[in-house]
PDB file of all heavy atoms in Angstrom:
ATOM      1  N   VAL A   1      -3.182   3.229  -1.099  1.00  0.00           N
ATOM      2  CA  VAL A   1      -4.478   2.569  -1.092  1.00  0.00           C
ATOM      3  C   VAL A   1      -5.429   3.255  -2.076  1.00  0.00           C
ATOM      4  O   VAL A   1      -5.243   4.529  -2.272  1.00  0.00           O
ATOM      5  CB  VAL A   1      -5.135   2.488   0.218  1.00  0.00           C
ATOM      6  CG1 VAL A   1      -4.391   1.583   1.205  1.00  0.00           C
ATOM      7  CG2 VAL A   1      -5.293   3.924   0.843  1.00  0.00           C
ATOM      8  N   GLY A   2      -6.222   2.618  -2.778  1.00  0.00           N
ATOM      9  CA  GLY A   2      -7.270   3.175  -3.643  1.00  0.00           C
ATOM     10  C   GLY A   2      -8.721   2.798  -3.177  1.00  0.00           C
ATOM     11  O   GLY A   2      -8.895   2.501  -1.991  1.00  0.00           O
ATOM     12  N   GLY A   3      -9.595   2.908  -4.017  1.00  0.00           N
ATOM     13  CA  GLY A   3     -10.982   2.608  -3.739  1.00  0.00           C
ATOM     14  C   GLY A   3     -11.285   1.357  -3.032  1.00  0.00           C
ATOM     15  O   GLY A   3     -10.678   0.297  -3.415  1.00  0.00           O
ATOM     16  N   GLY A   4     -12.061   1.316  -1.971  1.00  0.00           N
ATOM     17  CA  GLY A   4     -12.333   0.141  -1.277  1.00  0.00           C
ATOM     18  C   GLY A   4     -11.203  -0.354  -0.352  1.00  0.00           C
ATOM     19  O   GLY A   4     -11.245  -1.477   0.199  1.00  0.00           O
ATOM     20  N   GLY A   5     -10.160   0.369  -0.202  1.00  0.00           N
ATOM     21  CA  GLY A   5      -9.000   0.004   0.566  1.00  0.00           C
ATOM     22  C   GLY A   5      -8.111  -0.975  -0.163  1.00  0.00           C
ATOM     23  O   GLY A   5      -7.297  -1.696   0.541  1.00  0.00           O
ATOM     24  N   LEU A   6      -8.149  -1.118  -1.468  1.00  0.00           N
ATOM     25  CA  LEU A   6      -7.284  -2.041  -2.177  1.00  0.00           C
ATOM     26  C   LEU A   6      -5.886  -1.461  -2.373  1.00  0.00           C
ATOM     27  O   LEU A   6      -5.719  -0.334  -2.865  1.00  0.00           O
ATOM     28  CB  LEU A   6      -7.837  -2.311  -3.489  1.00  0.00           C
ATOM     29  CG  LEU A   6      -7.132  -3.380  -4.307  1.00  0.00           C
ATOM     30  CD1 LEU A   6      -7.250  -4.722  -3.546  1.00  0.00           C
ATOM     31  CD2 LEU A   6      -7.822  -3.630  -5.633  1.00  0.00           C
ATOM     32  N   ALA A   7      -4.842  -2.155  -1.905  1.00  0.00           N
ATOM     33  CA  ALA A   7      -3.435  -1.747  -1.999  1.00  0.00           C
ATOM     34  C   ALA A   7      -2.772  -2.538  -3.181  1.00  0.00           C
ATOM     35  O   ALA A   7      -2.917  -3.667  -3.185  1.00  0.00           O
ATOM     36  CB  ALA A   7      -2.750  -1.913  -0.673  1.00  0.00           C
ATOM     37  N   PRO A   8      -2.010  -1.826  -3.954  1.00  0.00           N
ATOM     38  CA  PRO A   8      -1.252  -2.534  -5.030  1.00  0.00           C
ATOM     39  C   PRO A   8      -0.251  -3.453  -4.451  1.00  0.00           C
ATOM     40  O   PRO A   8       0.222  -3.325  -3.260  1.00  0.00           O
ATOM     41  CB  PRO A   8      -0.568  -1.401  -5.814  1.00  0.00           C
ATOM     42  CG  PRO A   8      -1.317  -0.086  -5.420  1.00  0.00           C
ATOM     43  CD  PRO A   8      -1.827  -0.354  -4.064  1.00  0.00           C
ATOM     44  N   ALA A   9       0.125  -4.473  -5.146  1.00  0.00           N
ATOM     45  CA  ALA A   9       1.184  -5.460  -4.755  1.00  0.00           C
ATOM     46  C   ALA A   9       2.482  -4.794  -4.298  1.00  0.00           C
ATOM     47  O   ALA A   9       2.870  -3.790  -4.865  1.00  0.00           O
ATOM     48  CB  ALA A   9       1.388  -6.465  -5.823  1.00  0.00           C
ATOM     49  N   MET A  10       3.195  -5.471  -3.439  1.00  0.00           N
ATOM     50  CA  MET A  10       4.438  -4.906  -2.966  1.00  0.00           C
ATOM     51  C   MET A  10       5.573  -5.035  -3.983  1.00  0.00           C
ATOM     52  O   MET A  10       6.640  -4.396  -3.819  1.00  0.00           O
ATOM     53  CB  MET A  10       4.873  -5.562  -1.640  1.00  0.00           C
ATOM     54  CG  MET A  10       3.842  -5.446  -0.528  1.00  0.00           C
ATOM     55  SD  MET A  10       4.166  -6.533   0.888  1.00  0.00           S
ATOM     56  CE  MET A  10       5.841  -5.874   1.438  1.00  0.00           C
ATOM     57  N   ASN A  11       5.419  -5.817  -4.970  1.00  0.00           N
ATOM     58  CA  ASN A  11       6.453  -6.107  -5.908  1.00  0.00           C
ATOM     59  C   ASN A  11       6.056  -6.010  -7.385  1.00  0.00           C
ATOM     60  O   ASN A  11       6.673  -6.560  -8.278  1.00  0.00           O
ATOM     61  CB  ASN A  11       7.093  -7.532  -5.678  1.00  0.00           C
ATOM     62  CG  ASN A  11       6.094  -8.557  -5.815  1.00  0.00           C
ATOM     63  OD1 ASN A  11       4.910  -8.345  -5.968  1.00  0.00           O
ATOM     64  ND2 ASN A  11       6.551  -9.834  -5.787  1.00  0.00           N
ATOM     65  N   GLY A  12       4.976  -5.275  -7.671  1.00  0.00           N
ATOM     66  CA  GLY A  12       4.495  -5.110  -8.998  1.00  0.00           C
ATOM     67  C   GLY A  12       4.824  -3.825  -9.682  1.00  0.00           C
ATOM     68  O   GLY A  12       5.775  -3.130  -9.191  1.00  0.00           O
ATOM     69  N   LEU A  13       4.192  -3.573 -10.721  1.00  0.00           N
ATOM     70  CA  LEU A  13       4.414  -2.369 -11.567  1.00  0.00           C
ATOM     71  C   LEU A  13       4.269  -1.074 -10.764  1.00  0.00           C
ATOM     72  O   LEU A  13       5.177  -0.175 -10.727  1.00  0.00           O
ATOM     73  CB  LEU A  13       3.527  -2.294 -12.748  1.00  0.00           C
ATOM     74  CG  LEU A  13       3.570  -1.037 -13.611  1.00  0.00           C
ATOM     75  CD1 LEU A  13       4.960  -0.820 -14.235  1.00  0.00           C
ATOM     76  CD2 LEU A  13       2.428  -1.104 -14.771  1.00  0.00           C
ATOM     77  N   THR A  14       3.221  -0.950  -9.981  1.00  0.00           N
ATOM     78  CA  THR A  14       3.015   0.223  -9.175  1.00  0.00           C
ATOM     79  C   THR A  14       4.041   0.435  -8.129  1.00  0.00           C
ATOM     80  O   THR A  14       4.551   1.524  -7.938  1.00  0.00           O
ATOM     81  CB  THR A  14       1.527   0.118  -8.478  1.00  0.00           C
ATOM     82  OG1 THR A  14       0.601   0.243  -9.473  1.00  0.00           O
ATOM     83  CG2 THR A  14       1.404   1.321  -7.504  1.00  0.00           C
ATOM     84  N   ALA A  15       4.382  -0.637  -7.445  1.00  0.00           N
ATOM     85  CA  ALA A  15       5.466  -0.605  -6.503  1.00  0.00           C
ATOM     86  C   ALA A  15       6.789  -0.156  -7.091  1.00  0.00           C
ATOM     87  O   ALA A  15       7.582   0.622  -6.461  1.00  0.00           O
ATOM     88  CB  ALA A  15       5.668  -1.929  -5.787  1.00  0.00           C
ATOM     89  N   GLY A  16       7.039  -0.568  -8.335  1.00  0.00           N
ATOM     90  CA  GLY A  16       8.284  -0.132  -8.970  1.00  0.00           C
ATOM     91  C   GLY A  16       8.314   1.380  -9.229  1.00  0.00           C
ATOM     92  O   GLY A  16       9.333   2.058  -9.080  1.00  0.00           O
ATOM     93  N   TRP A  17       7.184   1.830  -9.676  1.00  0.00           N
ATOM     94  CA  TRP A  17       7.063   3.320  -9.890  1.00  0.00           C
ATOM     95  C   TRP A  17       7.120   4.087  -8.520  1.00  0.00           C
ATOM     96  O   TRP A  17       7.792   5.099  -8.474  1.00  0.00           O
ATOM     97  CB  TRP A  17       5.710   3.691 -10.593  1.00  0.00           C
ATOM     98  CG  TRP A  17       5.707   3.418 -12.022  1.00  0.00           C
ATOM     99  CD1 TRP A  17       4.843   2.532 -12.701  1.00  0.00           C
ATOM    100  CD2 TRP A  17       6.477   4.060 -13.010  1.00  0.00           C
ATOM    101  NE1 TRP A  17       5.069   2.577 -14.009  1.00  0.00           N
ATOM    102  CE2 TRP A  17       6.101   3.477 -14.317  1.00  0.00           C
ATOM    103  CE3 TRP A  17       7.436   5.002 -13.088  1.00  0.00           C
ATOM    104  CZ2 TRP A  17       6.544   3.835 -15.532  1.00  0.00           C
ATOM    105  CZ3 TRP A  17       7.987   5.436 -14.324  1.00  0.00           C
ATOM    106  CH2 TRP A  17       7.533   4.792 -15.468  1.00  0.00           C
ATOM    107  N   LEU A  18       6.546   3.502  -7.526  1.00  0.00           N
ATOM    108  CA  LEU A  18       6.591   4.222  -6.226  1.00  0.00           C
ATOM    109  C   LEU A  18       8.034   4.269  -5.751  1.00  0.00           C
ATOM    110  O   LEU A  18       8.441   5.255  -5.083  1.00  0.00           O
ATOM    111  CB  LEU A  18       5.724   3.472  -5.258  1.00  0.00           C
ATOM    112  CG  LEU A  18       4.224   3.691  -5.357  1.00  0.00           C
ATOM    113  CD1 LEU A  18       3.447   2.801  -4.319  1.00  0.00           C
ATOM    114  CD2 LEU A  18       3.761   5.136  -5.326  1.00  0.00           C
ATOM    115  N   ARG A  19       8.834   3.277  -5.961  1.00  0.00           N
ATOM    116  CA  ARG A  19      10.254   3.265  -5.506  1.00  0.00           C
ATOM    117  C   ARG A  19      10.989   4.445  -6.192  1.00  0.00           C
ATOM    118  O   ARG A  19      11.856   5.076  -5.542  1.00  0.00           O
ATOM    119  CB  ARG A  19      10.972   2.007  -5.813  1.00  0.00           C
ATOM    120  CG  ARG A  19      10.631   0.892  -4.824  1.00  0.00           C
ATOM    121  CD  ARG A  19      11.521  -0.329  -4.953  1.00  0.00           C
ATOM    122  NE  ARG A  19      11.325  -1.087  -6.262  1.00  0.00           N
ATOM    123  CZ  ARG A  19      10.391  -2.037  -6.436  1.00  0.00           C
ATOM    124  NH1 ARG A  19       9.668  -2.454  -5.397  1.00  0.00           N
ATOM    125  NH2 ARG A  19      10.305  -2.599  -7.578  1.00  0.00           N
ATOM    126  N   LEU A  20      10.662   4.765  -7.477  1.00  0.00           N
ATOM    127  CA  LEU A  20      11.289   5.794  -8.227  1.00  0.00           C
ATOM    128  C   LEU A  20      10.840   7.144  -7.588  1.00  0.00           C
ATOM    129  O   LEU A  20      11.593   8.174  -7.654  1.00  0.00           O
ATOM    130  CB  LEU A  20      10.942   5.764  -9.651  1.00  0.00           C
ATOM    131  CG  LEU A  20      11.501   4.595 -10.411  1.00  0.00           C
ATOM    132  CD1 LEU A  20      11.217   4.717 -11.941  1.00  0.00           C
ATOM    133  CD2 LEU A  20      13.066   4.413 -10.294  1.00  0.00           C
ATOM    134  N   ALA A  21       9.672   7.171  -7.006  1.00  0.00           N
ATOM    135  CA  ALA A  21       9.213   8.443  -6.326  1.00  0.00           C
ATOM    136  C   ALA A  21       9.736   8.591  -4.906  1.00  0.00           C
ATOM    137  O   ALA A  21       9.568   9.605  -4.249  1.00  0.00           O
ATOM    138  CB  ALA A  21       7.709   8.398  -6.268  1.00  0.00           C
ATOM    139  N   GLY A  22      10.350   7.542  -4.322  1.00  0.00           N
ATOM    140  CA  GLY A  22      10.964   7.582  -3.050  1.00  0.00           C
ATOM    141  C   GLY A  22      10.042   6.902  -1.995  1.00  0.00           C
ATOM    142  O   GLY A  22      10.166   7.342  -0.753  1.00  0.00           O
ATOM    143  N   TYR A  23       9.257   5.940  -2.374  1.00  0.00           N
ATOM    144  CA  TYR A  23       8.394   5.315  -1.363  1.00  0.00           C
ATOM    145  C   TYR A  23       8.481   3.764  -1.594  1.00  0.00           C
ATOM    146  O   TYR A  23       8.626   3.332  -2.690  1.00  0.00           O
ATOM    147  CB  TYR A  23       6.907   5.718  -1.567  1.00  0.00           C
ATOM    148  CG  TYR A  23       6.694   7.192  -1.356  1.00  0.00           C
ATOM    149  CD1 TYR A  23       6.516   8.032  -2.429  1.00  0.00           C
ATOM    150  CD2 TYR A  23       6.570   7.749  -0.090  1.00  0.00           C
ATOM    151  CE1 TYR A  23       6.316   9.351  -2.326  1.00  0.00           C
ATOM    152  CE2 TYR A  23       6.419   9.061   0.068  1.00  0.00           C
ATOM    153  CZ  TYR A  23       6.239   9.845  -1.036  1.00  0.00           C
ATOM    154  OH  TYR A  23       5.956  11.212  -0.874  1.00  0.00           O
ATOM    155  N   THR A  24       8.368   3.003  -0.445  1.00  0.00           N
ATOM    156  CA  THR A  24       8.359   1.584  -0.445  1.00  0.00           C
ATOM    157  C   THR A  24       6.924   1.101  -0.022  1.00  0.00           C
ATOM    158  O   THR A  24       6.556   1.435   1.160  1.00  0.00           O
ATOM    159  CB  THR A  24       9.431   0.977   0.453  1.00  0.00           C
ATOM    160  OG1 THR A  24      10.762   1.395   0.109  1.00  0.00           O
ATOM    161  CG2 THR A  24       9.404  -0.558   0.537  1.00  0.00           C
ATOM    162  N   GLN A  25       6.308   0.417  -0.878  1.00  0.00           N
ATOM    163  CA  GLN A  25       4.934  -0.080  -0.580  1.00  0.00           C
ATOM    164  C   GLN A  25       5.032  -1.138   0.518  1.00  0.00           C
ATOM    165  O   GLN A  25       5.760  -2.155   0.292  1.00  0.00           O
ATOM    166  CB  GLN A  25       4.271  -0.674  -1.888  1.00  0.00           C
ATOM    167  CG  GLN A  25       2.894  -1.227  -1.631  1.00  0.00           C
ATOM    168  CD  GLN A  25       1.858  -0.196  -1.426  1.00  0.00           C
ATOM    169  OE1 GLN A  25       2.139   1.057  -1.204  1.00  0.00           O
ATOM    170  NE2 GLN A  25       0.564  -0.546  -1.619  1.00  0.00           N
ATOM    171  N   GLN A  26       4.321  -0.980   1.626  1.00  0.00           N
ATOM    172  CA  GLN A  26       4.399  -1.829   2.792  1.00  0.00           C
ATOM    173  C   GLN A  26       3.513  -3.086   2.684  1.00  0.00           C
ATOM    174  O   GLN A  26       3.795  -4.086   3.334  1.00  0.00           O
ATOM    175  CB  GLN A  26       4.098  -1.099   4.083  1.00  0.00           C
ATOM    176  CG  GLN A  26       5.202  -0.130   4.458  1.00  0.00           C
ATOM    177  CD  GLN A  26       4.845   0.445   5.802  1.00  0.00           C
ATOM    178  OE1 GLN A  26       4.022   1.289   5.983  1.00  0.00           O
ATOM    179  NE2 GLN A  26       5.539  -0.090   6.840  1.00  0.00           N
ATOM    180  N   GLN A  27       2.441  -2.980   1.935  1.00  0.00           N
ATOM    181  CA  GLN A  27       1.482  -4.105   1.974  1.00  0.00           C
ATOM    182  C   GLN A  27       0.649  -4.134   0.600  1.00  0.00           C
ATOM    183  O   GLN A  27       0.566  -3.030  -0.005  1.00  0.00           O
ATOM    184  CB  GLN A  27       0.446  -3.782   3.111  1.00  0.00           C
ATOM    185  CG  GLN A  27      -0.670  -4.834   3.240  1.00  0.00           C
ATOM    186  CD  GLN A  27      -1.687  -4.501   4.278  1.00  0.00           C
ATOM    187  OE1 GLN A  27      -1.304  -3.631   5.272  1.00  0.00           O
ATOM    188  NE2 GLN A  27      -2.871  -5.042   4.265  1.00  0.00           N
ATOM    189  N   GLY A  28       0.238  -5.317   0.271  1.00  0.00           N
ATOM    190  CA  GLY A  28      -0.545  -5.421  -0.965  1.00  0.00           C
ATOM    191  C   GLY A  28      -1.886  -6.110  -0.558  1.00  0.00           C
ATOM    192  O   GLY A  28      -2.006  -6.704   0.424  1.00  0.00           O
ATOM    193  N   GLY A  29      -2.812  -5.991  -1.458  1.00  0.00           N
ATOM    194  CA  GLY A  29      -4.135  -6.588  -1.263  1.00  0.00           C
ATOM    195  C   GLY A  29      -5.106  -5.697  -0.531  1.00  0.00           C
ATOM    196  O   GLY A  29      -4.789  -4.564  -0.230  1.00  0.00           O
ATOM    197  N   PRO A  30      -6.286  -6.231  -0.081  1.00  0.00           N
ATOM    198  CA  PRO A  30      -7.286  -5.460   0.627  1.00  0.00           C
ATOM    199  C   PRO A  30      -6.715  -5.048   1.983  1.00  0.00           C
ATOM    200  O   PRO A  30      -6.080  -5.837   2.712  1.00  0.00           O
ATOM    201  CB  PRO A  30      -8.430  -6.419   0.721  1.00  0.00           C
ATOM    202  CG  PRO A  30      -8.236  -7.501  -0.216  1.00  0.00           C
ATOM    203  CD  PRO A  30      -6.732  -7.637  -0.418  1.00  0.00           C
ATOM    204  N   VAL A  31      -6.964  -3.828   2.359  1.00  0.00           N
ATOM    205  CA  VAL A  31      -6.552  -3.312   3.658  1.00  0.00           C
ATOM    206  C   VAL A  31      -7.806  -2.972   4.529  1.00  0.00           C
ATOM    207  O   VAL A  31      -8.700  -2.210   4.074  1.00  0.00           O
ATOM    208  CB  VAL A  31      -5.791  -1.946   3.557  1.00  0.00           C
ATOM    209  CG1 VAL A  31      -5.390  -1.372   4.830  1.00  0.00           C
ATOM    210  CG2 VAL A  31      -4.508  -2.209   2.665  1.00  0.00           C
ATOM    211  N   ALA A  32      -7.929  -3.644   5.704  1.00  0.00           N
ATOM    212  CA  ALA A  32      -9.062  -3.483   6.457  1.00  0.00           C
ATOM    213  C   ALA A  32      -8.925  -2.091   7.210  1.00  0.00           C
ATOM    214  O   ALA A  32      -7.819  -1.717   7.705  1.00  0.00           O
ATOM    215  CB  ALA A  32      -9.196  -4.576   7.522  1.00  0.00           C
ATOM    216  N   MET A  33      -9.979  -1.335   7.265  1.00  0.00           N
ATOM    217  CA  MET A  33      -9.889  -0.014   7.912  1.00  0.00           C
ATOM    218  C   MET A  33      -9.446  -0.222   9.370  1.00  0.00           C
ATOM    219  O   MET A  33      -8.625   0.673   9.897  1.00  0.00           O
ATOM    220  CB  MET A  33     -11.285   0.696   7.945  1.00  0.00           C
ATOM    221  CG  MET A  33     -11.325   2.071   8.456  1.00  0.00           C
ATOM    222  SD  MET A  33     -10.438   3.340   7.606  1.00  0.00           S
ATOM    223  CE  MET A  33     -11.551   3.466   6.141  1.00  0.00           C
ATOM    224  N   GLU A  34      -9.888  -1.214  10.005  1.00  0.00           N
ATOM    225  CA  GLU A  34      -9.525  -1.381  11.431  1.00  0.00           C
ATOM    226  C   GLU A  34      -8.090  -1.693  11.537  1.00  0.00           C
ATOM    227  O   GLU A  34      -7.374  -1.130  12.529  1.00  0.00           O
ATOM    228  CB  GLU A  34     -10.288  -2.591  12.069  1.00  0.00           C
ATOM    229  CG  GLU A  34     -11.793  -2.375  12.141  1.00  0.00           C
ATOM    230  CD  GLU A  34     -12.521  -2.643  10.798  1.00  0.00           C
ATOM    231  OE1 GLU A  34     -11.839  -3.052   9.799  1.00  0.00           O
ATOM    232  OE2 GLU A  34     -13.689  -2.338  10.740  1.00  0.00           O
ATOM    233  N   ALA A  35      -7.469  -2.439  10.631  1.00  0.00           N
ATOM    234  CA  ALA A  35      -6.004  -2.737  10.709  1.00  0.00           C
ATOM    235  C   ALA A  35      -5.191  -1.408  10.468  1.00  0.00           C
ATOM    236  O   ALA A  35      -4.212  -1.183  11.067  1.00  0.00           O
ATOM    237  CB  ALA A  35      -5.642  -3.782   9.676  1.00  0.00           C
ATOM    238  N   LEU A  36      -5.661  -0.676   9.468  1.00  0.00           N
ATOM    239  CA  LEU A  36      -5.028   0.610   9.157  1.00  0.00           C
ATOM    240  C   LEU A  36      -5.022   1.556  10.409  1.00  0.00           C
ATOM    241  O   LEU A  36      -4.061   2.199  10.629  1.00  0.00           O
ATOM    242  CB  LEU A  36      -5.774   1.341   8.001  1.00  0.00           C
ATOM    243  CG  LEU A  36      -5.077   2.555   7.410  1.00  0.00           C
ATOM    244  CD1 LEU A  36      -3.673   2.265   6.981  1.00  0.00           C
ATOM    245  CD2 LEU A  36      -5.862   3.072   6.252  1.00  0.00           C
ATOM    246  N   LEU A  37      -6.090   1.587  11.083  1.00  0.00           N
ATOM    247  CA  LEU A  37      -6.297   2.557  12.259  1.00  0.00           C
ATOM    248  C   LEU A  37      -5.368   2.015  13.363  1.00  0.00           C
ATOM    249  O   LEU A  37      -4.814   2.815  14.235  1.00  0.00           O
ATOM    250  CB  LEU A  37      -7.700   2.619  12.698  1.00  0.00           C
ATOM    251  CG  LEU A  37      -8.680   3.299  11.706  1.00  0.00           C
ATOM    252  CD1 LEU A  37     -10.044   3.180  12.279  1.00  0.00           C
ATOM    253  CD2 LEU A  37      -8.318   4.749  11.481  1.00  0.00           C
ATOM    254  N   ALA A  38      -5.281   0.661  13.506  1.00  0.00           N
ATOM    255  CA  ALA A  38      -4.440   0.061  14.592  1.00  0.00           C
ATOM    256  C   ALA A  38      -2.935   0.193  14.380  1.00  0.00           C
ATOM    257  O   ALA A  38      -2.149   0.351  15.291  1.00  0.00           O
ATOM    258  CB  ALA A  38      -4.841  -1.388  14.760  1.00  0.00           C
ATOM    259  N   SER A  39      -2.590   0.172  13.031  1.00  0.00           N
ATOM    260  CA  SER A  39      -1.157   0.249  12.702  1.00  0.00           C
ATOM    261  C   SER A  39      -0.979   1.215  11.528  1.00  0.00           C
ATOM    262  O   SER A  39      -0.750   0.709  10.379  1.00  0.00           O
ATOM    263  CB  SER A  39      -0.583  -1.101  12.447  1.00  0.00           C
ATOM    264  OG  SER A  39       0.771  -1.096  12.144  1.00  0.00           O
ATOM    265  N   PRO A  40      -1.034   2.433  11.794  1.00  0.00           N
ATOM    266  CA  PRO A  40      -0.947   3.387  10.600  1.00  0.00           C
ATOM    267  C   PRO A  40       0.428   3.519   9.995  1.00  0.00           C
ATOM    268  O   PRO A  40       1.369   3.437  10.738  1.00  0.00           O
ATOM    269  CB  PRO A  40      -1.385   4.748  11.171  1.00  0.00           C
ATOM    270  CG  PRO A  40      -1.108   4.636  12.630  1.00  0.00           C
ATOM    271  CD  PRO A  40      -1.292   3.223  13.010  1.00  0.00           C
ATOM    272  N   PRO A  41       0.534   3.614   8.657  1.00  0.00           N
ATOM    273  CA  PRO A  41       1.881   3.690   7.998  1.00  0.00           C
ATOM    274  C   PRO A  41       2.444   5.110   8.266  1.00  0.00           C
ATOM    275  O   PRO A  41       1.672   6.067   8.521  1.00  0.00           O
ATOM    276  CB  PRO A  41       1.557   3.438   6.588  1.00  0.00           C
ATOM    277  CG  PRO A  41       0.149   3.982   6.423  1.00  0.00           C
ATOM    278  CD  PRO A  41      -0.566   3.654   7.722  1.00  0.00           C
ATOM    279  N   PRO A  42       3.787   5.275   8.131  1.00  0.00           N
ATOM    280  CA  PRO A  42       4.332   6.621   8.205  1.00  0.00           C
ATOM    281  C   PRO A  42       3.783   7.554   7.139  1.00  0.00           C
ATOM    282  O   PRO A  42       3.491   8.772   7.380  1.00  0.00           O
ATOM    283  CB  PRO A  42       5.792   6.368   8.000  1.00  0.00           C
ATOM    284  CG  PRO A  42       6.000   4.987   8.261  1.00  0.00           C
ATOM    285  CD  PRO A  42       4.767   4.230   7.933  1.00  0.00           C
TER     286      PRO A  42
END
């Protein structure tokens, strides 16, 4: 997540780089703070 809770797309350029780093992006688009607190990622 970045500023304002914006998450990069799950299948875009950023997600491709993250896979090379050993991570799978779970969600794209705006992330609500409440949703993040209710279901935190690993």
